[in-house]
Structure formats: C-alpha cells, structure tokens
N, C-alpha and C. Protein backbone atom coordinates (compact mmCIF):
# COMPACT_ATOMS: atom_id res chain seq x y z
N MET A 1 5.36 -14.41 8.91
CA MET A 1 5.13 -13.17 9.65
C MET A 1 5.25 -11.98 8.71
N THR A 2 4.38 -10.98 8.85
CA THR A 2 4.32 -9.81 7.94
C THR A 2 5.34 -8.77 8.52
N HIS A 3 6.10 -8.24 7.59
CA HIS A 3 7.03 -7.12 7.91
C HIS A 3 6.79 -5.98 7.01
N ILE A 4 6.88 -4.77 7.53
CA ILE A 4 6.78 -3.54 6.72
C ILE A 4 8.15 -2.84 6.76
N LEU A 5 8.78 -2.72 5.60
CA LEU A 5 10.07 -2.05 5.52
C LEU A 5 9.90 -0.67 4.88
N SER A 6 10.54 0.30 5.46
CA SER A 6 10.58 1.62 4.89
C SER A 6 12.06 1.78 4.38
N VAL A 7 12.14 1.93 3.07
CA VAL A 7 13.47 1.95 2.47
C VAL A 7 13.63 3.27 1.73
N SER A 8 14.59 4.08 2.24
CA SER A 8 14.92 5.39 1.56
C SER A 8 16.01 5.14 0.57
N VAL A 9 15.75 5.59 -0.65
CA VAL A 9 16.69 5.39 -1.75
C VAL A 9 16.92 6.67 -2.57
N LEU A 10 17.99 6.76 -3.26
CA LEU A 10 18.21 7.90 -4.16
C LEU A 10 17.17 7.82 -5.27
N ASN A 11 16.59 8.91 -5.67
CA ASN A 11 15.58 8.97 -6.67
C ASN A 11 16.25 8.96 -8.05
N LYS A 12 16.64 7.73 -8.47
CA LYS A 12 17.37 7.53 -9.73
C LYS A 12 16.71 6.40 -10.55
N PRO A 13 16.86 6.48 -11.86
CA PRO A 13 16.33 5.40 -12.70
C PRO A 13 16.99 4.04 -12.34
N GLY A 14 16.21 2.99 -12.41
CA GLY A 14 16.74 1.63 -12.21
C GLY A 14 16.77 1.14 -10.73
N VAL A 15 16.60 2.01 -9.77
CA VAL A 15 16.64 1.57 -8.37
C VAL A 15 15.54 0.58 -8.05
N LEU A 16 14.34 0.85 -8.49
CA LEU A 16 13.26 -0.08 -8.25
C LEU A 16 13.49 -1.42 -8.82
N THR A 17 14.01 -1.45 -10.09
CA THR A 17 14.31 -2.73 -10.74
C THR A 17 15.34 -3.53 -9.98
N ARG A 18 16.41 -2.84 -9.48
CA ARG A 18 17.43 -3.59 -8.74
C ARG A 18 16.88 -4.13 -7.43
N ILE A 19 16.05 -3.40 -6.74
CA ILE A 19 15.53 -3.88 -5.48
C ILE A 19 14.51 -5.03 -5.73
N ALA A 20 13.64 -4.90 -6.73
CA ALA A 20 12.68 -5.94 -7.02
C ALA A 20 13.44 -7.20 -7.43
N GLY A 21 14.51 -7.05 -8.23
CA GLY A 21 15.37 -8.18 -8.65
C GLY A 21 16.00 -8.87 -7.46
N LEU A 22 16.41 -8.11 -6.49
CA LEU A 22 17.06 -8.70 -5.28
C LEU A 22 16.04 -9.63 -4.58
N PHE A 23 14.83 -9.12 -4.43
CA PHE A 23 13.78 -9.95 -3.76
C PHE A 23 13.47 -11.22 -4.60
N SER A 24 13.40 -11.02 -5.90
CA SER A 24 13.13 -12.16 -6.78
C SER A 24 14.22 -13.23 -6.75
N ARG A 25 15.45 -12.82 -6.79
CA ARG A 25 16.57 -13.75 -6.73
C ARG A 25 16.60 -14.54 -5.49
N ARG A 26 16.08 -13.94 -4.35
CA ARG A 26 16.10 -14.58 -3.07
C ARG A 26 14.79 -15.40 -2.83
N ASN A 27 13.92 -15.39 -3.86
CA ASN A 27 12.64 -16.09 -3.78
C ASN A 27 11.78 -15.56 -2.59
N PHE A 28 11.82 -14.25 -2.43
CA PHE A 28 11.14 -13.60 -1.35
C PHE A 28 9.98 -12.76 -1.97
N ASN A 29 8.75 -13.11 -1.68
CA ASN A 29 7.61 -12.50 -2.33
C ASN A 29 7.29 -11.12 -1.68
N ILE A 30 7.12 -10.12 -2.56
CA ILE A 30 6.67 -8.83 -2.10
C ILE A 30 5.15 -8.82 -2.10
N GLU A 31 4.53 -8.61 -0.96
CA GLU A 31 3.07 -8.56 -0.83
C GLU A 31 2.53 -7.19 -1.32
N SER A 32 3.28 -6.15 -1.03
CA SER A 32 2.87 -4.82 -1.41
C SER A 32 4.10 -3.98 -1.59
N LEU A 33 4.04 -3.05 -2.60
CA LEU A 33 5.18 -2.19 -2.87
C LEU A 33 4.67 -0.85 -3.30
N ASN A 34 5.08 0.21 -2.64
CA ASN A 34 4.69 1.58 -2.92
C ASN A 34 5.94 2.42 -2.93
N VAL A 35 6.09 3.23 -3.93
CA VAL A 35 7.23 4.12 -4.07
C VAL A 35 6.80 5.52 -4.39
N GLY A 36 7.39 6.48 -3.77
CA GLY A 36 7.14 7.90 -4.06
C GLY A 36 8.24 8.81 -3.54
N LYS A 37 8.22 10.01 -4.08
CA LYS A 37 9.16 11.01 -3.63
C LYS A 37 8.90 11.41 -2.17
N THR A 38 9.89 11.88 -1.50
CA THR A 38 9.77 12.34 -0.14
C THR A 38 9.79 13.88 -0.15
N GLU A 39 9.93 14.45 1.06
CA GLU A 39 10.03 15.89 1.18
C GLU A 39 11.32 16.42 0.49
N ASN A 40 12.28 15.54 0.29
CA ASN A 40 13.50 15.84 -0.48
C ASN A 40 13.37 15.21 -1.84
N PRO A 41 13.23 15.98 -2.94
CA PRO A 41 12.98 15.37 -4.24
C PRO A 41 14.07 14.46 -4.75
N GLU A 42 15.27 14.46 -4.12
CA GLU A 42 16.35 13.60 -4.54
C GLU A 42 16.25 12.19 -3.89
N ILE A 43 15.27 12.06 -2.96
CA ILE A 43 15.11 10.82 -2.21
C ILE A 43 13.69 10.27 -2.37
N SER A 44 13.57 8.97 -2.64
CA SER A 44 12.28 8.31 -2.68
C SER A 44 12.18 7.36 -1.50
N ARG A 45 10.97 7.17 -1.05
CA ARG A 45 10.72 6.18 0.02
C ARG A 45 9.91 5.00 -0.58
N MET A 46 10.42 3.83 -0.32
CA MET A 46 9.70 2.62 -0.70
C MET A 46 9.10 2.06 0.54
N THR A 47 7.82 1.68 0.48
CA THR A 47 7.22 0.95 1.56
C THR A 47 6.97 -0.47 1.01
N ILE A 48 7.68 -1.40 1.58
CA ILE A 48 7.61 -2.78 1.11
C ILE A 48 7.02 -3.70 2.18
N VAL A 49 5.93 -4.39 1.85
CA VAL A 49 5.29 -5.32 2.79
C VAL A 49 5.67 -6.74 2.32
N VAL A 50 6.26 -7.49 3.22
CA VAL A 50 6.70 -8.84 2.88
C VAL A 50 6.31 -9.84 3.99
N ASN A 51 6.16 -11.09 3.62
CA ASN A 51 5.94 -12.12 4.59
C ASN A 51 7.21 -13.02 4.61
N GLY A 52 7.65 -13.35 5.78
CA GLY A 52 8.81 -14.24 5.91
C GLY A 52 9.25 -14.30 7.34
N ASP A 53 10.16 -15.24 7.64
CA ASP A 53 10.67 -15.37 8.98
C ASP A 53 11.79 -14.36 9.21
N GLU A 54 12.25 -14.27 10.46
CA GLU A 54 13.27 -13.24 10.82
C GLU A 54 14.58 -13.52 10.09
N LYS A 55 14.98 -14.78 9.92
CA LYS A 55 16.22 -15.09 9.20
C LYS A 55 16.19 -14.58 7.77
N THR A 56 15.08 -14.84 7.08
CA THR A 56 14.97 -14.39 5.68
C THR A 56 15.00 -12.89 5.57
N LEU A 57 14.24 -12.27 6.49
CA LEU A 57 14.19 -10.81 6.50
C LEU A 57 15.59 -10.21 6.76
N GLU A 58 16.35 -10.82 7.67
CA GLU A 58 17.66 -10.31 7.98
C GLU A 58 18.56 -10.46 6.73
N GLN A 59 18.46 -11.57 6.02
CA GLN A 59 19.27 -11.83 4.83
C GLN A 59 18.98 -10.76 3.74
N VAL A 60 17.69 -10.47 3.53
CA VAL A 60 17.29 -9.53 2.48
C VAL A 60 17.71 -8.14 2.90
N THR A 61 17.56 -7.79 4.16
CA THR A 61 17.95 -6.48 4.67
C THR A 61 19.49 -6.29 4.43
N LYS A 62 20.26 -7.27 4.72
CA LYS A 62 21.71 -7.16 4.47
C LYS A 62 22.01 -6.96 3.03
N GLN A 63 21.32 -7.66 2.15
CA GLN A 63 21.51 -7.55 0.71
C GLN A 63 21.10 -6.10 0.21
N LEU A 64 19.98 -5.62 0.78
CA LEU A 64 19.55 -4.29 0.40
C LEU A 64 20.59 -3.23 0.78
N HIS A 65 21.22 -3.39 1.96
CA HIS A 65 22.24 -2.42 2.39
C HIS A 65 23.41 -2.40 1.45
N LYS A 66 23.63 -3.46 0.69
CA LYS A 66 24.78 -3.53 -0.26
C LYS A 66 24.50 -2.71 -1.51
N LEU A 67 23.24 -2.41 -1.81
CA LEU A 67 22.94 -1.67 -3.01
C LEU A 67 23.33 -0.23 -2.82
N ILE A 68 23.97 0.36 -3.76
CA ILE A 68 24.58 1.66 -3.66
C ILE A 68 23.57 2.80 -3.45
N ASN A 69 22.38 2.67 -4.07
CA ASN A 69 21.42 3.72 -3.97
C ASN A 69 20.48 3.64 -2.77
N VAL A 70 20.66 2.59 -1.94
CA VAL A 70 19.88 2.47 -0.76
C VAL A 70 20.50 3.27 0.36
N LEU A 71 19.72 4.18 1.01
CA LEU A 71 20.29 5.08 1.99
C LEU A 71 19.96 4.59 3.42
N LYS A 72 18.79 4.09 3.59
CA LYS A 72 18.29 3.72 4.95
C LYS A 72 17.20 2.69 4.84
N ILE A 73 17.26 1.68 5.75
CA ILE A 73 16.24 0.64 5.81
C ILE A 73 15.71 0.59 7.23
N THR A 74 14.41 0.67 7.42
CA THR A 74 13.81 0.60 8.73
C THR A 74 12.63 -0.35 8.69
N GLU A 75 12.63 -1.34 9.62
CA GLU A 75 11.49 -2.18 9.73
C GLU A 75 10.51 -1.44 10.70
N LEU A 76 9.32 -1.17 10.19
CA LEU A 76 8.35 -0.43 10.95
C LEU A 76 7.58 -1.32 11.90
N ASP A 77 7.41 -0.88 13.12
CA ASP A 77 6.66 -1.60 14.13
C ASP A 77 5.18 -1.37 13.91
N LYS A 78 4.39 -2.38 13.63
CA LYS A 78 3.01 -2.25 13.31
C LYS A 78 2.24 -1.61 14.42
N ASN A 79 2.74 -1.63 15.65
CA ASN A 79 2.05 -1.01 16.78
C ASN A 79 2.29 0.50 16.88
N SER A 80 3.23 0.99 16.14
CA SER A 80 3.57 2.46 16.32
C SER A 80 3.66 3.16 14.94
N ILE A 81 2.78 2.76 14.00
CA ILE A 81 2.80 3.43 12.67
C ILE A 81 1.38 3.85 12.29
N VAL A 82 1.32 4.69 11.31
CA VAL A 82 0.08 4.98 10.64
C VAL A 82 0.30 4.39 9.21
N GLU A 83 -0.67 3.49 8.85
CA GLU A 83 -0.53 2.87 7.51
C GLU A 83 -1.85 3.00 6.79
N ARG A 84 -1.75 3.17 5.49
CA ARG A 84 -2.98 3.34 4.66
C ARG A 84 -2.79 2.68 3.32
N ASP A 85 -3.90 2.18 2.76
CA ASP A 85 -4.02 1.77 1.40
C ASP A 85 -5.11 2.57 0.78
N LEU A 86 -5.12 2.67 -0.54
CA LEU A 86 -6.15 3.29 -1.32
C LEU A 86 -6.79 2.26 -2.24
N ILE A 87 -8.15 2.32 -2.31
CA ILE A 87 -8.82 1.41 -3.26
C ILE A 87 -9.84 2.23 -4.09
N LEU A 88 -9.92 1.91 -5.36
CA LEU A 88 -11.00 2.37 -6.23
C LEU A 88 -11.84 1.17 -6.62
N ILE A 89 -13.13 1.22 -6.35
CA ILE A 89 -14.03 0.07 -6.66
C ILE A 89 -15.19 0.58 -7.56
N ARG A 90 -15.37 -0.09 -8.70
CA ARG A 90 -16.52 0.15 -9.52
C ARG A 90 -17.56 -0.90 -9.19
N VAL A 91 -18.70 -0.47 -8.66
CA VAL A 91 -19.80 -1.35 -8.21
C VAL A 91 -20.96 -1.24 -9.18
N LYS A 92 -21.43 -2.38 -9.64
CA LYS A 92 -22.60 -2.45 -10.50
C LYS A 92 -23.81 -2.11 -9.62
N CYS A 93 -24.70 -1.30 -10.17
CA CYS A 93 -25.91 -1.01 -9.40
C CYS A 93 -27.01 -0.37 -10.29
N SER A 94 -28.23 -0.59 -9.82
CA SER A 94 -29.38 0.07 -10.45
C SER A 94 -29.65 1.36 -9.71
N ARG A 95 -30.52 2.16 -10.25
CA ARG A 95 -30.86 3.39 -9.57
C ARG A 95 -31.42 3.14 -8.15
N LYS A 96 -32.16 2.05 -8.04
CA LYS A 96 -32.75 1.70 -6.70
C LYS A 96 -31.68 1.36 -5.69
N GLN A 97 -30.56 0.76 -6.13
CA GLN A 97 -29.54 0.35 -5.21
C GLN A 97 -28.54 1.44 -4.80
N ARG A 98 -28.55 2.55 -5.51
CA ARG A 98 -27.56 3.56 -5.26
C ARG A 98 -27.55 4.05 -3.83
N SER A 99 -28.72 4.38 -3.26
CA SER A 99 -28.71 4.94 -1.92
C SER A 99 -28.14 3.95 -0.90
N GLU A 100 -28.37 2.66 -1.07
CA GLU A 100 -27.78 1.65 -0.15
C GLU A 100 -26.29 1.61 -0.28
N ILE A 101 -25.82 1.68 -1.50
CA ILE A 101 -24.36 1.65 -1.70
C ILE A 101 -23.68 2.91 -1.14
N ILE A 102 -24.35 4.07 -1.34
CA ILE A 102 -23.83 5.32 -0.78
C ILE A 102 -23.82 5.28 0.70
N GLN A 103 -24.81 4.70 1.35
CA GLN A 103 -24.81 4.50 2.80
C GLN A 103 -23.60 3.69 3.29
N ILE A 104 -23.33 2.55 2.52
CA ILE A 104 -22.21 1.73 2.91
C ILE A 104 -20.91 2.55 2.78
N ALA A 105 -20.77 3.27 1.67
CA ALA A 105 -19.57 4.08 1.43
C ALA A 105 -19.43 5.14 2.57
N ASP A 106 -20.54 5.79 2.97
CA ASP A 106 -20.42 6.76 4.02
C ASP A 106 -19.98 6.16 5.35
N THR A 107 -20.46 4.93 5.60
CA THR A 107 -20.05 4.23 6.83
C THR A 107 -18.55 4.07 6.90
N PHE A 108 -17.94 3.81 5.73
CA PHE A 108 -16.50 3.60 5.71
C PHE A 108 -15.74 4.92 5.37
N ARG A 109 -16.43 6.05 5.42
CA ARG A 109 -15.83 7.35 5.12
C ARG A 109 -15.18 7.34 3.70
N ALA A 110 -15.90 6.63 2.81
CA ALA A 110 -15.42 6.55 1.41
C ALA A 110 -16.17 7.59 0.59
N GLN A 111 -15.64 7.91 -0.58
CA GLN A 111 -16.18 8.90 -1.47
C GLN A 111 -16.76 8.31 -2.76
N ILE A 112 -17.83 8.81 -3.25
CA ILE A 112 -18.30 8.45 -4.60
C ILE A 112 -17.53 9.38 -5.53
N VAL A 113 -16.78 8.79 -6.46
CA VAL A 113 -15.97 9.69 -7.35
C VAL A 113 -16.42 9.64 -8.77
N ASP A 114 -17.32 8.72 -9.13
CA ASP A 114 -17.84 8.64 -10.48
C ASP A 114 -19.22 7.97 -10.41
N VAL A 115 -20.16 8.53 -11.16
CA VAL A 115 -21.51 7.95 -11.28
C VAL A 115 -21.81 7.71 -12.74
N ALA A 116 -22.24 6.47 -13.08
CA ALA A 116 -22.62 6.09 -14.41
C ALA A 116 -24.01 5.52 -14.30
N PRO A 117 -24.70 5.36 -15.44
CA PRO A 117 -26.07 4.79 -15.37
C PRO A 117 -26.20 3.44 -14.64
N ASP A 118 -25.16 2.64 -14.80
CA ASP A 118 -25.25 1.28 -14.22
C ASP A 118 -24.14 0.95 -13.20
N SER A 119 -23.44 2.01 -12.69
CA SER A 119 -22.44 1.76 -11.69
C SER A 119 -22.06 3.01 -10.88
N LEU A 120 -21.37 2.77 -9.78
CA LEU A 120 -20.78 3.87 -8.95
C LEU A 120 -19.32 3.49 -8.73
N MET A 121 -18.45 4.49 -8.78
CA MET A 121 -17.02 4.26 -8.41
C MET A 121 -16.83 4.84 -7.08
N ILE A 122 -16.20 4.09 -6.18
CA ILE A 122 -15.96 4.43 -4.83
C ILE A 122 -14.46 4.53 -4.54
N GLU A 123 -14.05 5.56 -3.85
CA GLU A 123 -12.64 5.75 -3.46
C GLU A 123 -12.60 5.66 -1.92
N ALA A 124 -11.73 4.81 -1.37
CA ALA A 124 -11.61 4.68 0.07
C ALA A 124 -10.12 4.51 0.46
N THR A 125 -9.81 5.05 1.62
CA THR A 125 -8.52 4.85 2.18
C THR A 125 -8.65 4.22 3.56
N GLY A 126 -7.65 3.50 3.98
CA GLY A 126 -7.68 2.89 5.30
C GLY A 126 -6.74 1.78 5.40
N THR A 127 -6.87 1.02 6.47
CA THR A 127 -6.07 -0.19 6.66
C THR A 127 -6.55 -1.28 5.74
N GLU A 128 -5.71 -2.25 5.60
CA GLU A 128 -6.05 -3.42 4.72
C GLU A 128 -7.35 -4.04 5.18
N ASP A 129 -7.48 -4.20 6.50
CA ASP A 129 -8.72 -4.84 7.08
C ASP A 129 -9.98 -4.00 6.71
N LYS A 130 -9.87 -2.67 6.88
CA LYS A 130 -10.99 -1.84 6.56
C LYS A 130 -11.44 -1.94 5.09
N LEU A 131 -10.45 -1.92 4.20
CA LEU A 131 -10.73 -1.98 2.75
C LEU A 131 -11.29 -3.37 2.39
N GLU A 132 -10.83 -4.38 3.03
CA GLU A 132 -11.35 -5.75 2.77
C GLU A 132 -12.79 -5.81 3.23
N ALA A 133 -13.11 -5.25 4.38
CA ALA A 133 -14.47 -5.25 4.89
C ALA A 133 -15.42 -4.53 3.95
N LEU A 134 -14.97 -3.36 3.47
CA LEU A 134 -15.81 -2.61 2.47
C LEU A 134 -16.02 -3.43 1.21
N THR A 135 -14.94 -4.05 0.75
CA THR A 135 -15.04 -4.86 -0.49
C THR A 135 -16.02 -6.02 -0.33
N GLU A 136 -15.96 -6.64 0.83
CA GLU A 136 -16.91 -7.77 1.08
C GLU A 136 -18.35 -7.30 1.07
N LEU A 137 -18.65 -6.18 1.69
CA LEU A 137 -20.01 -5.66 1.73
C LEU A 137 -20.48 -5.30 0.32
N LEU A 138 -19.60 -4.84 -0.54
CA LEU A 138 -20.02 -4.40 -1.88
C LEU A 138 -20.09 -5.60 -2.87
N ARG A 139 -19.51 -6.68 -2.53
CA ARG A 139 -19.51 -7.87 -3.40
C ARG A 139 -20.94 -8.32 -3.77
N ASP A 140 -21.87 -8.20 -2.82
CA ASP A 140 -23.27 -8.61 -3.07
C ASP A 140 -23.90 -7.81 -4.21
N PHE A 141 -23.44 -6.62 -4.46
CA PHE A 141 -24.00 -5.78 -5.50
C PHE A 141 -23.35 -6.11 -6.87
N GLY A 142 -22.13 -6.63 -6.82
CA GLY A 142 -21.38 -6.98 -7.99
C GLY A 142 -20.28 -5.98 -8.23
N ILE A 143 -19.08 -6.40 -8.05
CA ILE A 143 -17.93 -5.54 -8.29
C ILE A 143 -17.51 -5.72 -9.71
N ALA A 144 -17.57 -4.65 -10.48
CA ALA A 144 -17.19 -4.70 -11.89
C ALA A 144 -15.69 -4.74 -12.00
N GLU A 145 -15.00 -3.95 -11.19
CA GLU A 145 -13.51 -3.90 -11.18
C GLU A 145 -13.06 -3.14 -9.95
N PHE A 146 -11.83 -3.43 -9.55
CA PHE A 146 -11.23 -2.60 -8.51
C PHE A 146 -9.75 -2.64 -8.65
N VAL A 147 -9.10 -1.64 -8.01
CA VAL A 147 -7.65 -1.53 -8.01
C VAL A 147 -7.26 -0.98 -6.64
N ARG A 148 -6.15 -1.51 -6.11
CA ARG A 148 -5.63 -1.08 -4.84
C ARG A 148 -4.16 -0.64 -4.95
N THR A 149 -3.82 0.35 -4.16
CA THR A 149 -2.40 0.72 -4.01
C THR A 149 -1.76 -0.24 -3.06
N GLY A 150 -0.45 -0.12 -2.93
CA GLY A 150 0.20 -0.81 -1.86
C GLY A 150 0.09 0.02 -0.60
N THR A 151 0.58 -0.59 0.49
CA THR A 151 0.56 0.11 1.75
C THR A 151 1.57 1.26 1.75
N VAL A 152 1.19 2.40 2.33
CA VAL A 152 2.10 3.45 2.70
C VAL A 152 2.08 3.58 4.21
N ALA A 153 3.24 3.87 4.83
CA ALA A 153 3.26 3.88 6.30
C ALA A 153 4.36 4.84 6.73
N LEU A 154 4.12 5.46 7.89
CA LEU A 154 5.08 6.30 8.58
C LEU A 154 5.00 6.00 10.06
N SER A 155 6.13 6.09 10.73
CA SER A 155 6.14 5.91 12.18
C SER A 155 5.37 7.06 12.84
N ARG A 156 4.71 6.73 13.95
CA ARG A 156 4.01 7.78 14.71
C ARG A 156 5.06 8.63 15.45
N GLY A 157 4.65 9.82 15.87
CA GLY A 157 5.52 10.68 16.67
C GLY A 157 6.41 11.52 15.77
N GLN A 158 7.57 11.88 16.36
CA GLN A 158 8.49 12.74 15.59
C GLN A 158 9.00 12.11 14.33
N ALA A 159 9.23 12.96 13.33
CA ALA A 159 9.70 12.49 12.03
C ALA A 159 11.05 11.79 12.21
N GLN A 160 11.19 10.71 11.43
CA GLN A 160 12.45 9.96 11.42
C GLN A 160 13.38 10.69 10.45
N ASN A 161 14.54 11.08 10.96
CA ASN A 161 15.51 11.76 10.10
C ASN A 161 16.21 10.80 9.15
N GLN A 162 16.46 11.28 7.96
CA GLN A 162 17.24 10.51 6.94
C GLN A 162 18.69 10.42 7.39
N LYS A 163 19.27 9.25 7.23
CA LYS A 163 20.69 9.11 7.58
C LYS A 163 21.51 9.12 6.33
C-alpha cells in the first residue's frame, strides 16, 4: 500500500541523512522523497512516498518520532490532498514532428522550455498518472532523457499548523 508522509523537520545539516538511514536500516524503500524549506525558514518539509503495510509504516513512524530534529509527522490522505510531480523530458524530433509534439504538450498543459535542432525539452507538472501518460505518448518519438522530482503534497482546506 502506498503512503504519503509529510514530515516537518528542523532545517539543519544531516537531518536528511539520518532519516534516509532510518528507512535503510529498516529495509523500507523510499519511492519518492522531496525536501524543501517551508514558510518558516527554520523548518523544512519532507514529502516521503513509501510502499508498505500498516505495521511497517507504524514502526517507521515511531522511529521517526525518536529523531530529535523531527517536529511533526502526518500521513496524508490521498483523497484530501493536492499532490504534484515535475518532469523535464527531452524528446528527439525532426522539424516535421515538432508541431505534433507541441500539440501533445499543450494537451497536458506542459511547456516547451528548450528547442534544439533535433529535440524539444518539455516541462510538465501533475500527478504521477498524468506524467506517466505524457511520457508514454512521447516514447514513440524517442525520449533522449528525462528527470522527475519526487511528489510534493499538501492537505486540502485550511493550512495545517506546525506543532
């Protein structure tokens, strides 16, 4: 089962290493990890996507709470969040293929961010499913390279206060 954890931590060196090490020691694979500052520059928010059963998730959550720089851990409900990933895709193309690729990008509300004689670079944001669908459509043209961020997510509605 997929779980999305929002972990608020003190913005200090070594915190990411300690948290990643905790997951590694417990043999718990991180599917996606994204870290960034929050509205308070002293606090960072980690969005961690993991697969595992409830027992394993409970064990890891308890271990995370023991780390001194961890302030708050929230499992986000997939039905009440806004989540996004970002992808940059370099697609091989001839001049004749450009308009078709641009139409596909427009359909997914993606942007062309770089044009080269033999390729286009596309930037898109959305859910994992949306980005995978875009990637599949562009595969026929030839994907030279791509990179994706991890998931970022926030609960819908009123802001969740830091504890």
